[in-house]
Protein backbone atom coordinates (compact mmCIF):
# COMPACT_ATOMS: atom_id res chain seq x y z
CA UNK A 1 48.57 9.57 4.48
CA UNK A 2 46.12 6.64 5.31
CA UNK A 3 46.46 4.28 8.25
CA UNK A 4 47.91 0.90 7.94
CA UNK A 5 45.25 -1.03 9.25
CA UNK A 6 46.49 -4.69 8.24
CA UNK A 7 47.30 -5.12 12.14
CA UNK A 8 43.55 -5.23 12.75
CA UNK A 9 43.02 -7.52 9.62
CA UNK A 10 40.98 -4.84 7.94
CA UNK A 11 41.87 -4.23 4.47
CA UNK A 12 39.35 -1.51 3.20
CA UNK A 13 41.55 0.22 0.64
CA UNK A 14 40.18 3.45 -0.46
CA UNK A 15 37.21 3.24 1.41
CA UNK A 16 38.80 4.30 4.60
CA UNK A 17 38.33 8.41 5.47
CA UNK A 18 41.17 9.29 7.99
CA UNK A 19 40.64 12.07 10.28
CA UNK A 20 38.01 13.95 8.61
CA UNK A 21 36.85 17.24 10.00
CA UNK A 22 33.73 17.52 11.80
CA UNK A 23 32.57 19.61 8.96
CA UNK A 24 33.25 16.84 6.85
CA UNK A 25 31.82 14.16 8.66
CA UNK A 26 28.60 16.14 9.13
CA UNK A 27 28.65 16.14 5.47
CA UNK A 28 29.04 12.45 5.05
CA UNK A 29 26.15 11.79 7.93
CA UNK A 30 23.59 14.15 5.84
CA UNK A 31 24.62 12.53 2.73
CA UNK A 32 24.13 9.16 4.00
CA UNK A 33 20.83 9.54 5.42
CA UNK A 34 22.55 9.43 9.25
CA UNK A 35 20.70 12.22 10.47
CA UNK A 36 20.14 16.10 9.66
CA UNK A 37 21.13 19.65 11.31
CA UNK A 38 18.85 21.21 13.88
CA UNK A 39 18.12 24.55 13.89
CA UNK A 40 20.90 25.32 16.35
CA UNK A 41 23.78 23.80 13.92
CA UNK A 42 23.89 20.53 15.82
CA UNK A 43 23.52 17.05 13.89
CA UNK A 44 20.94 14.80 15.24
CA UNK A 45 21.18 11.03 14.40
CA UNK A 46 19.60 7.86 15.47
CA UNK A 47 21.49 5.23 17.22
CA UNK A 48 18.98 2.38 15.71
CA UNK A 49 17.32 -0.49 17.73
CA UNK A 50 19.52 0.01 21.02
CA UNK A 51 19.42 3.64 22.42
CA UNK A 52 21.36 2.83 25.43
CA UNK A 53 23.77 -0.05 26.79
CA UNK A 54 22.82 -3.73 26.71
CA UNK A 55 25.34 -4.74 29.85
CA UNK A 56 23.96 -8.45 29.17
CA UNK A 57 25.94 -8.44 26.06
CA UNK A 58 29.08 -7.34 27.28
CA UNK A 59 31.99 -9.48 27.87
CA UNK A 60 35.90 -9.57 28.59
CA UNK A 61 37.96 -11.96 27.37
CA UNK A 62 39.24 -14.29 29.82
CA UNK A 63 43.11 -14.84 29.54
CA UNK A 64 46.43 -14.72 31.33
CA UNK A 65 45.99 -10.70 32.33
CA UNK A 66 42.16 -11.06 33.16
CA UNK A 67 41.77 -14.63 34.78
CA UNK A 68 42.86 -13.65 38.53
CA UNK A 69 42.23 -10.09 38.44
CA UNK A 70 38.97 -9.18 37.49
CA UNK A 71 35.69 -9.31 39.33
CA UNK A 72 33.79 -11.83 37.26
CA UNK A 73 30.29 -12.14 37.61
CA UNK A 74 26.88 -10.90 35.86
CA UNK A 75 28.75 -7.26 35.46
CA UNK A 76 31.88 -8.78 34.05
CA UNK A 77 31.22 -11.76 32.05
CA UNK A 78 33.89 -13.89 31.04
CA UNK A 79 34.58 -14.92 27.22
CA UNK A 80 37.12 -17.06 25.59
CA UNK A 81 40.00 -16.26 23.64
CA UNK A 82 38.53 -18.65 20.63
CA UNK A 83 35.05 -17.08 20.63
CA UNK A 84 37.06 -13.45 20.75
CA UNK A 85 39.43 -14.37 17.65
CA UNK A 86 36.78 -15.97 15.85
CA UNK A 87 34.25 -12.60 16.10
CA UNK A 88 37.34 -10.36 15.79
CA UNK A 89 37.97 -12.18 12.25
CA UNK A 90 34.60 -11.79 11.15
CA UNK A 91 34.10 -8.04 12.18
CA UNK A 92 37.26 -7.29 10.48
CA UNK A 93 36.03 -8.86 7.25
CA UNK A 94 32.80 -6.83 7.44
CA UNK A 95 34.39 -3.70 8.00
CA UNK A 96 37.01 -4.40 5.07
CA UNK A 97 33.79 -4.58 2.94
CA UNK A 98 32.31 -1.12 3.85
CA UNK A 99 33.18 2.41 3.62
CA UNK A 100 35.06 3.31 7.11
CA UNK A 101 35.75 6.26 9.35
CA UNK A 102 39.10 5.89 11.53
CA UNK A 103 40.00 8.39 14.07
CA UNK A 104 42.93 8.44 16.35
CA UNK A 105 42.42 10.04 19.67
CA UNK A 106 43.32 9.41 23.29
CA UNK A 107 41.86 8.96 26.43
CA UNK A 108 43.33 10.94 30.04
CA UNK A 109 44.72 14.68 29.68
CA UNK A 110 47.05 13.69 32.45
CA UNK A 111 50.24 13.06 29.86
CA UNK A 112 51.84 10.10 32.40
CA UNK A 113 48.50 8.29 32.04
CA UNK A 114 47.61 8.94 28.88
CA UNK A 115 46.89 6.27 26.11
CA UNK A 116 46.24 6.53 22.53
CA UNK A 117 43.26 4.91 20.54
CA UNK A 118 42.22 4.47 17.22
CA UNK A 119 38.62 4.38 16.61
CA UNK A 120 37.18 2.57 13.56
CA UNK A 121 33.62 3.29 12.92
CA UNK A 122 30.84 2.14 10.00
CA UNK A 123 29.20 5.55 10.27
CA UNK A 124 30.07 9.11 10.35
CA UNK A 125 28.28 10.25 13.21
CA UNK A 126 29.95 7.59 15.27
CA UNK A 127 33.03 9.26 14.22
CA UNK A 128 31.98 12.53 15.32
CA UNK A 129 30.98 10.98 18.85
CA UNK A 130 34.53 9.94 19.10
CA UNK A 131 36.09 13.40 18.10
CA UNK A 132 33.85 14.83 20.78
CA UNK A 133 34.08 12.62 23.80
CA UNK A 134 38.01 11.84 23.61
CA UNK A 135 41.16 14.02 24.08
CA UNK A 136 42.16 15.52 20.74
CA UNK A 137 46.01 16.01 19.80
CA UNK A 138 48.09 17.16 17.20
CA UNK A 139 50.41 14.00 18.01
CA UNK A 140 48.62 11.49 16.11
CA UNK A 141 50.48 9.90 13.52
CA UNK A 142 48.56 7.52 10.99
CA UNK A 143 51.81 5.31 10.53
CA UNK A 144 52.21 4.81 14.31
CA UNK A 145 50.11 1.66 15.78
CA UNK A 146 47.94 3.22 18.86
CA UNK A 147 48.02 1.44 21.95
CA UNK A 148 44.03 0.37 22.08
CA UNK A 149 41.66 -0.41 19.01
CA UNK A 150 38.12 -0.16 18.96
CA UNK A 151 36.04 -1.39 16.02
CA UNK A 152 32.24 -0.20 15.96
CA UNK A 153 30.14 -2.47 13.39
CA UNK A 154 26.79 -1.36 13.97
CA UNK A 155 25.45 -3.44 10.90
CA UNK A 156 27.25 -6.48 11.95
CA UNK A 157 25.03 -9.10 13.08
CA UNK A 158 26.51 -12.24 15.28
CA UNK A 159 25.16 -15.74 15.08
CA UNK A 160 24.67 -16.41 18.57
CA UNK A 161 24.48 -20.43 17.96
CA UNK A 162 27.38 -20.50 15.89
CA UNK A 163 29.32 -17.92 17.50
CA UNK A 164 28.94 -18.22 21.06
CA UNK A 165 27.31 -15.24 22.14
CA UNK A 166 23.66 -14.73 23.46
CA UNK A 167 22.61 -11.99 21.15
CA UNK A 168 23.35 -10.82 17.64
CA UNK A 169 24.80 -7.75 19.03
CA UNK A 170 27.91 -8.01 21.49
CA UNK A 171 30.89 -5.75 23.33
CA UNK A 172 33.84 -7.74 24.09
CA UNK A 173 37.22 -6.22 25.32
CA UNK A 174 40.70 -8.18 25.08
CA UNK A 175 43.15 -6.86 26.99
CA UNK A 176 45.65 -8.83 25.79
CA UNK A 177 45.05 -7.97 22.27
CA UNK A 178 43.87 -4.15 23.21
CA UNK A 179 40.86 -4.37 21.15
CA UNK A 180 36.99 -3.31 21.88
CA UNK A 181 34.79 -5.02 19.49
CA UNK A 182 31.41 -3.20 19.39
CA UNK A 183 28.87 -4.77 16.92
CA UNK A 184 24.84 -5.00 16.38
CA UNK A 185 24.41 -1.77 17.68
CA UNK A 186 25.03 1.99 16.78
CA UNK A 187 24.87 3.41 20.15
CA UNK A 188 27.68 5.73 20.69
CA UNK A 189 27.78 4.93 24.65
CA UNK A 190 29.40 1.53 24.20
CA UNK A 191 32.32 3.45 22.43
CA UNK A 192 32.78 5.81 25.59
CA UNK A 193 32.07 2.67 28.45
CA UNK A 194 34.28 0.51 26.80
CA UNK A 195 37.35 2.96 27.05
CA UNK A 196 36.18 3.83 30.62
CA UNK A 197 36.23 0.27 31.61
CA UNK A 198 39.67 -0.34 30.05
CA UNK A 199 41.06 2.70 32.32
CA UNK A 200 39.07 1.45 35.43
CA UNK A 201 41.34 -1.52 35.05
CA UNK A 202 44.42 -0.36 33.91
CA UNK A 203 44.77 2.30 36.26
CA UNK A 204 44.17 1.12 39.60
CA UNK A 205 45.55 -2.12 39.19
CA UNK A 206 48.94 -0.93 37.68
CA UNK A 207 49.14 2.30 38.49
CA UNK A 208 47.54 2.81 42.03
CA UNK A 209 45.21 5.52 40.51
CA UNK A 210 41.98 6.04 41.35
CA UNK A 211 39.42 6.07 38.46
CA UNK A 212 36.26 7.75 39.05
CA UNK A 213 32.59 8.11 37.36
CA UNK A 214 31.84 11.07 38.31
CA UNK A 215 32.33 14.93 37.70
CA UNK A 216 34.45 17.42 38.53
CA UNK A 217 34.73 21.22 38.60
CA UNK A 218 36.66 24.20 39.99
CA UNK A 219 36.92 27.60 41.27
CA UNK A 220 39.51 30.61 40.29
CA UNK A 221 41.60 29.37 43.56
CA UNK A 222 41.56 25.68 42.28
CA UNK A 223 39.54 24.03 44.67
CA UNK A 224 38.33 20.77 43.07
CA UNK A 225 34.91 19.44 43.91
CA UNK A 226 33.86 16.00 42.46
CA UNK A 227 30.19 14.77 42.10
CA UNK A 228 29.57 10.98 42.01
CA UNK A 229 26.24 9.70 40.80
CA UNK A 230 24.21 7.36 39.02
CA UNK A 231 22.00 8.31 35.72
CA UNK A 232 19.52 11.15 36.75
CA UNK A 233 20.87 12.03 40.01
CA UNK A 234 22.14 15.46 38.53
CA UNK A 235 25.99 14.68 38.08
CA UNK A 236 26.35 16.81 34.99
CA UNK A 237 23.82 19.35 35.68
CA UNK A 238 25.58 20.35 39.37
CA UNK A 239 29.06 20.23 37.96
CA UNK A 240 27.94 23.06 34.68
CA UNK A 241 27.61 25.33 37.41
CA UNK A 242 27.82 29.17 36.15
CA UNK A 243 29.73 29.93 39.17
CA UNK A 244 32.57 27.28 38.71
CA UNK A 245 34.87 25.78 35.97
CA UNK A 246 34.32 22.18 34.50
CA UNK A 247 36.47 20.12 34.51
CA UNK A 248 34.71 16.96 33.33
CA UNK A 249 31.10 15.69 33.29
CA UNK A 250 31.46 12.11 34.08
CA UNK A 251 35.22 9.94 34.14
CA UNK A 252 38.31 11.12 36.06
CA UNK A 253 41.15 9.98 37.60
CA UNK A 254 42.85 10.77 40.80
CA UNK A 255 46.56 10.87 40.69
CA UNK A 256 49.22 11.69 43.48
CA UNK A 257 49.34 15.05 41.43
CA UNK A 258 45.87 15.71 41.78
CA UNK A 259 42.28 15.21 39.37
CA UNK A 260 42.50 14.92 35.70
CA UNK A 261 39.82 14.02 32.88
CA UNK A 262 39.78 10.93 31.26
CA UNK A 263 37.84 12.79 28.47
CA UNK A 264 37.90 15.74 25.79
CA UNK A 265 34.10 16.35 25.89
CA UNK A 266 30.57 15.73 27.68
CA UNK A 267 28.11 13.65 26.96
CA UNK A 268 24.89 15.00 28.60
CA UNK A 269 21.29 13.69 28.75
CA UNK A 270 18.57 15.92 27.21
CA UNK A 271 15.59 14.70 28.32
CA UNK A 272 13.59 17.83 29.81
CA UNK A 273 16.47 19.97 28.96
CA UNK A 274 15.82 23.90 29.29
CA UNK A 275 17.60 26.99 28.68
CA UNK A 276 16.78 28.61 31.82
CA UNK A 277 17.39 25.76 34.03
CA UNK A 278 20.84 24.50 32.33
CA UNK A 279 22.08 27.17 30.17
CA UNK A 280 25.27 25.94 30.00
CA UNK A 281 24.48 22.28 28.34
CA UNK A 282 21.52 24.05 26.15
CA UNK A 283 23.95 26.85 24.69
CA UNK A 284 26.61 23.87 24.15
CA UNK A 285 24.30 22.23 21.70
CA UNK A 286 25.26 24.01 18.36
CA UNK A 287 27.18 23.11 15.03
CA UNK A 288 29.46 20.27 16.01
CA UNK A 289 27.63 18.75 18.91
CA UNK A 290 25.90 15.38 18.14
CA UNK A 291 22.10 15.06 19.39
CA UNK A 292 21.37 11.33 19.86
CA UNK A 293 17.62 9.80 19.25
CA UNK A 294 15.72 13.40 19.73
CA UNK A 295 12.46 14.44 17.98
CA UNK A 296 12.04 18.09 16.69
CA UNK A 297 8.62 19.96 16.92
CA UNK A 298 6.49 18.77 14.23
CA UNK A 299 7.10 21.05 10.76
CA UNK A 300 10.50 22.84 12.29
CA UNK A 301 14.06 21.63 13.12
CA UNK A 302 13.67 22.68 17.20
CA UNK A 303 14.56 19.63 19.30
CA UNK A 304 11.64 18.69 21.56
CA UNK A 305 13.34 17.66 24.73
CA UNK A 306 10.29 16.58 26.45
CA UNK A 307 9.59 13.93 23.45
CA UNK A 308 10.71 10.94 24.80
CA UNK A 309 8.80 8.64 22.52
CA UNK A 310 12.12 7.49 21.10
CA UNK A 311 13.98 6.94 24.46
CA UNK A 312 14.37 8.47 27.73
CA UNK A 313 17.88 8.49 27.17
CA UNK A 314 18.24 11.34 24.39
CA UNK A 315 21.53 12.59 24.51
CA UNK A 316 24.06 14.88 23.19
CA UNK A 317 27.46 14.98 23.02
CA UNK A 318 30.05 18.14 22.47
CA UNK A 319 33.50 18.95 22.70
CA UNK A 320 34.45 20.36 26.73
CA UNK A 321 35.37 23.86 25.47
CA UNK A 322 31.87 24.20 24.26
CA UNK A 323 31.03 24.68 28.12
CA UNK A 324 32.22 28.70 29.09
CA UNK A 325 34.76 28.48 31.51
CA UNK A 326 35.75 24.91 31.19
CA UNK A 327 38.89 24.02 32.59
CA UNK A 328 42.18 23.69 30.09
CA UNK A 329 44.80 22.59 32.40
CA UNK A 330 45.92 18.67 32.13
CA UNK A 331 45.66 18.32 36.10
CA UNK A 332 43.61 20.08 38.81
CA UNK A 333 44.15 20.11 42.47
CA UNK A 334 43.12 17.10 45.04
CA UNK A 335 39.36 17.81 45.52
CA UNK A 336 38.58 19.55 48.70
CA UNK A 337 34.63 18.12 48.84
CA UNK A 338 33.17 15.21 47.42
CA UNK A 339 29.58 15.07 46.75
CA UNK A 340 27.67 11.73 46.36
CA UNK A 341 24.20 12.00 44.75
CA UNK A 342 21.43 9.99 45.36
CA UNK A 343 17.97 10.34 43.40
CA UNK A 344 15.91 9.14 46.63
CA UNK A 345 12.61 8.25 45.03
CA UNK A 346 11.41 7.12 48.59
CA UNK A 347 11.76 10.76 49.73
CA UNK A 348 13.77 9.74 53.35
CA UNK A 349 17.22 10.41 52.91
CA UNK A 350 18.20 14.02 54.31
CA UNK A 351 18.84 16.57 51.59
CA UNK A 352 22.48 16.58 52.63
CA UNK A 353 24.48 14.96 55.19
CA UNK A 354 28.17 15.00 55.97
CA UNK A 355 29.99 11.42 55.98
CA UNK A 356 32.89 10.24 58.11
CA UNK A 357 35.75 8.31 55.63
CA UNK A 358 34.12 4.60 56.90
CA UNK A 359 30.46 5.99 55.68
CA UNK A 360 31.83 7.57 52.65
CA UNK A 361 33.24 4.52 51.79
CA UNK A 362 30.42 2.37 52.71
CA UNK A 363 27.88 4.82 50.57
CA UNK A 364 30.59 4.71 47.48
CA UNK A 365 30.47 0.95 47.72
CA UNK A 366 26.84 0.82 48.06
CA UNK A 367 26.14 3.24 45.30
CA UNK A 368 22.65 4.01 45.96
CA UNK A 369 19.68 5.80 43.89
CA UNK A 370 16.12 4.89 42.59
CA UNK A 371 14.85 4.56 39.30
CA UNK A 372 11.08 5.76 39.00
CA UNK A 373 7.80 5.15 36.77
CA UNK A 374 8.56 5.57 33.31
CA UNK A 375 12.25 5.76 32.82
CA UNK A 376 12.29 2.10 32.00
CA UNK A 377 9.92 -0.41 30.84
CA UNK A 378 8.28 -2.51 33.57
CA UNK A 379 9.24 0.15 36.37
CA UNK A 380 5.55 1.10 37.70
CA UNK A 381 6.66 2.20 41.27
CA UNK A 382 9.98 3.71 42.51
CA UNK A 383 12.81 0.89 42.45
CA UNK A 384 15.96 0.89 44.43
CA UNK A 385 19.15 0.41 42.72
CA UNK A 386 22.54 -0.07 44.37
CA UNK A 387 25.79 0.43 41.73
CA UNK A 388 29.22 -0.27 43.41
CA UNK A 389 31.43 2.81 43.02
CA UNK A 390 28.46 4.54 41.29
CA UNK A 391 29.41 2.61 38.47
CA UNK A 392 29.28 -1.40 38.56
CA UNK A 393 28.51 -1.73 35.07
CA UNK A 394 32.37 -0.36 34.19
CA UNK A 395 34.55 -1.65 37.06
CA UNK A 396 36.19 -4.59 36.24
CA UNK A 397 38.05 -5.00 39.79
CA UNK A 398 36.24 -5.83 42.78
CA UNK A 399 34.99 -2.68 44.67
CA UNK A 400 36.48 -3.06 47.73
CA UNK A 401 40.03 -2.05 45.37
CA UNK A 402 38.32 1.22 44.55
CA UNK A 403 37.02 2.13 48.22
CA UNK A 404 40.07 1.43 49.88
CA UNK A 405 41.74 4.16 47.25
CA UNK A 406 39.33 6.35 47.92
CA UNK A 407 39.59 5.90 51.86
CA UNK A 408 43.37 6.45 51.46
CA UNK A 409 42.93 9.65 49.64
CA UNK A 410 40.26 11.24 51.99
CA UNK A 411 42.26 10.17 55.22
CA UNK A 412 45.48 11.56 53.92
CA UNK A 413 44.23 15.03 52.75
CA UNK A 414 40.98 15.22 55.14
CA UNK A 415 38.65 15.87 52.48
CA UNK A 416 34.97 16.66 53.21
CA UNK A 417 32.51 13.93 51.67
CA UNK A 418 28.92 14.82 51.42
CA UNK A 419 25.56 12.68 50.79
CA UNK A 420 23.12 14.76 48.62
CA UNK A 421 19.45 13.71 48.07
CA UNK A 422 18.25 15.28 44.67
CA UNK A 423 15.23 13.11 44.69
CA UNK A 424 11.98 13.59 47.02
CA UNK A 425 10.88 14.97 50.01
CA UNK A 426 7.42 15.10 51.88
CA UNK A 427 6.69 11.39 50.58
CA UNK A 428 7.57 9.27 47.91
CA UNK A 429 7.79 9.76 44.36
CA UNK A 430 4.07 10.24 43.35
CA UNK A 431 3.00 11.72 46.46
CA UNK A 432 6.16 13.70 47.62
CA UNK A 433 7.74 16.46 45.54
CA UNK A 434 11.28 16.37 43.68
CA UNK A 435 13.41 19.01 45.62
CA UNK A 436 14.01 21.67 43.90
CA UNK A 437 17.42 22.29 41.76
CA UNK A 438 17.96 25.67 43.73
CA UNK A 439 18.18 24.36 46.91
CA UNK A 440 20.11 21.70 45.96
CA UNK A 441 22.86 24.16 44.69
CA UNK A 442 22.36 26.37 47.64
CA UNK A 443 23.39 23.40 49.75
CA UNK A 444 26.11 22.50 47.66
CA UNK A 445 27.23 26.02 47.45
CA UNK A 446 27.35 26.08 51.10
CA UNK A 447 29.20 23.18 51.88
CA UNK A 448 31.94 24.14 48.89
CA UNK A 449 32.03 27.64 50.56
CA UNK A 450 32.27 25.90 54.37
CA UNK A 451 29.26 27.43 55.50
CA UNK A 452 27.86 24.36 56.91
CA UNK A 453 30.96 23.78 58.83
CA UNK A 454 29.11 25.89 62.22
CA UNK A 455 25.90 24.45 61.46
CA UNK A 456 24.45 22.13 64.16
CA UNK A 457 24.27 19.11 63.11
CA UNK A 458 21.54 16.18 64.51
CA UNK A 459 21.93 12.22 63.66
CA UNK A 460 19.43 10.40 61.89
CA UNK A 461 17.91 7.39 64.19
CA UNK A 462 17.63 5.21 61.08
CA UNK A 463 20.68 5.75 58.85
CA UNK A 464 23.07 7.18 61.50
CA UNK A 465 23.61 10.56 58.92
CA UNK A 466 24.43 13.42 60.17
CA UNK A 467 22.77 16.52 58.66
CA UNK A 468 22.76 20.14 59.16
CA UNK A 469 19.60 21.68 61.05
CA UNK A 470 20.27 25.07 58.95
CA UNK A 471 21.77 26.17 55.63
CA UNK A 472 21.76 29.34 54.07
CA UNK A 473 19.17 29.72 51.23
CA UNK A 474 17.58 26.60 52.07
CA UNK A 475 14.02 26.25 54.66
CA UNK A 476 14.95 24.42 57.58
CA UNK A 477 12.14 21.84 57.66
CA UNK A 478 13.88 20.50 54.17
CA UNK A 479 16.66 19.56 55.49
CA UNK A 480 15.21 16.90 57.91
CA UNK A 481 13.44 14.77 55.67
CA UNK A 482 10.98 13.40 58.60
CA UNK A 483 9.63 17.08 59.29
CA UNK A 484 8.64 17.39 55.60
CA UNK A 485 6.08 13.93 55.83
CA UNK A 486 2.37 14.29 57.09
CA UNK A 487 2.49 10.89 58.68
CA UNK A 488 5.51 10.21 60.79
CA UNK A 489 4.58 6.39 60.83
CA UNK A 490 4.65 6.29 56.90
CA UNK A 491 7.86 7.86 57.03
CA UNK A 492 9.80 5.36 59.28
CA UNK A 493 8.28 2.80 57.44
CA UNK A 494 9.67 3.98 54.35
CA UNK A 495 13.04 4.79 56.05
CA UNK A 496 13.25 1.39 57.83
CA UNK A 497 12.44 -0.60 54.29
CA UNK A 498 15.42 1.65 52.72
CA UNK A 499 18.31 0.84 55.46
CA UNK A 500 16.98 -2.96 55.37
CA UNK A 501 17.46 -3.12 51.46
CA UNK A 502 21.01 -0.85 52.65
CA UNK A 503 21.99 -4.08 54.54
CA UNK A 504 20.94 -6.82 52.32
CA UNK A 505 22.80 -5.36 49.33
CA UNK A 506 26.11 -4.79 51.30
CA UNK A 507 26.31 -8.46 52.39
CA UNK A 508 27.61 -9.56 48.82
CA UNK A 509 30.83 -7.09 49.54
CA UNK A 510 31.48 -7.93 53.34
CA UNK A 511 34.30 -10.35 52.57
CA UNK A 512 36.03 -7.48 50.89
CA UNK A 513 39.69 -6.72 52.15
CA UNK A 514 39.57 -4.35 55.58
CA UNK A 515 35.50 -3.55 54.84
CA UNK A 516 34.46 -5.77 57.42
CA UNK A 517 33.55 -3.20 60.17
CA UNK A 518 31.45 -0.74 57.56
CA UNK A 519 27.83 -0.71 58.11
CA UNK A 520 24.91 1.20 57.42
CA UNK A 521 25.62 3.15 60.95
CA UNK A 522 29.44 3.42 61.33
């Protein structure tokens, strides 16, 4: 039975492919020249001109639901209902002329917070992505209208002067119509993050559930850990640990019952992927997985994960059960440990520090990491990045809303919170060296095992952070960043520079409710 899409103004007749299986979608993608199979059996496809999100072309419709609730600004840009309606009509008409792929899925594994989603895509590979990343269920019904709908039309081009948008591509979220329009871009991450933005509005605003940009795992004793971090900090890598069970790699909710995954799959970066360093992710790349924007070694079907000629943002998506030992339950226990990951390219933040509740709220709102040369066009030296709640691009509400919920839950359950630097030591990027993954894993494992509880702690003179002086499996000198530098004056200059940047960044949040007492040196 085919779904009736008239409620979306789409009248595609027999050109609707509904709920195709992954093998069927792979056949469609290959037949239409969207991609090809690599040696492991995974499909690889190119997303076209856009190999990443386009934040400046993302909008939220300003209406009665959002007007007084959304944190408007450069991140959450308002757009009128009239402009949305006109573009919606055009996109629906465009899709009505195309062969389309329709998939009914869900977001959120917790039944009481689950929302139904219908994803309409112009390409088969986008539909594979939707099948991989969202929650699958046998409860879907073609004749039942879902709560939310996503229209993804990569070949539709807006006319900026006529249509009222700055570019030919756009993403627009309407909370009244419960529709996400994605046009002019084939990058699948826009589908994923569109729904994430929706959940980041609905759950904290309506249900007092903390929505989080983090990965999560647990162990046989159901001792849950959360990993917050921006791209490149190791969030996916560190949560995919052979000694623990993955709950999810990117998006979660925290309710009174515990932690639940928003998604049914993973979306991992592939750049420099190696079987020895990240076996869980490497082995998940098989038939049913979708690789994006990778190249193979010449004359082969073997992916070259070091080749970034198309983009640094090479990706793979796969169902979560492709990770051995992944958690199958709908809700996991309240976390025992929380880790904030930062890739400090200035080499001055301790590799691991224990945070108080106020420090945790401060660093959560700050969301610091650094980008290094080569990751983006125009970056020739380390660049400080502050992204509120470690996901500012996806949070429609003011950051203090999320921080207050986090602080309440930390206090209620006496949760350990750690700041972990996965970046550089012995100097900044270009001079020092990146902390070895094995040392970072050792510190995180020691924290989760309670082995840092009895360690002696030292307070950092500039950042005020409390860091342990010993950790099993980690050289003691590594724990104090100043000791790894050959020139102490140079270290202090870099540390003071970063501390000043923290202070300047936080000024824009100081007017937030109950947060005016927070500072870097709380």
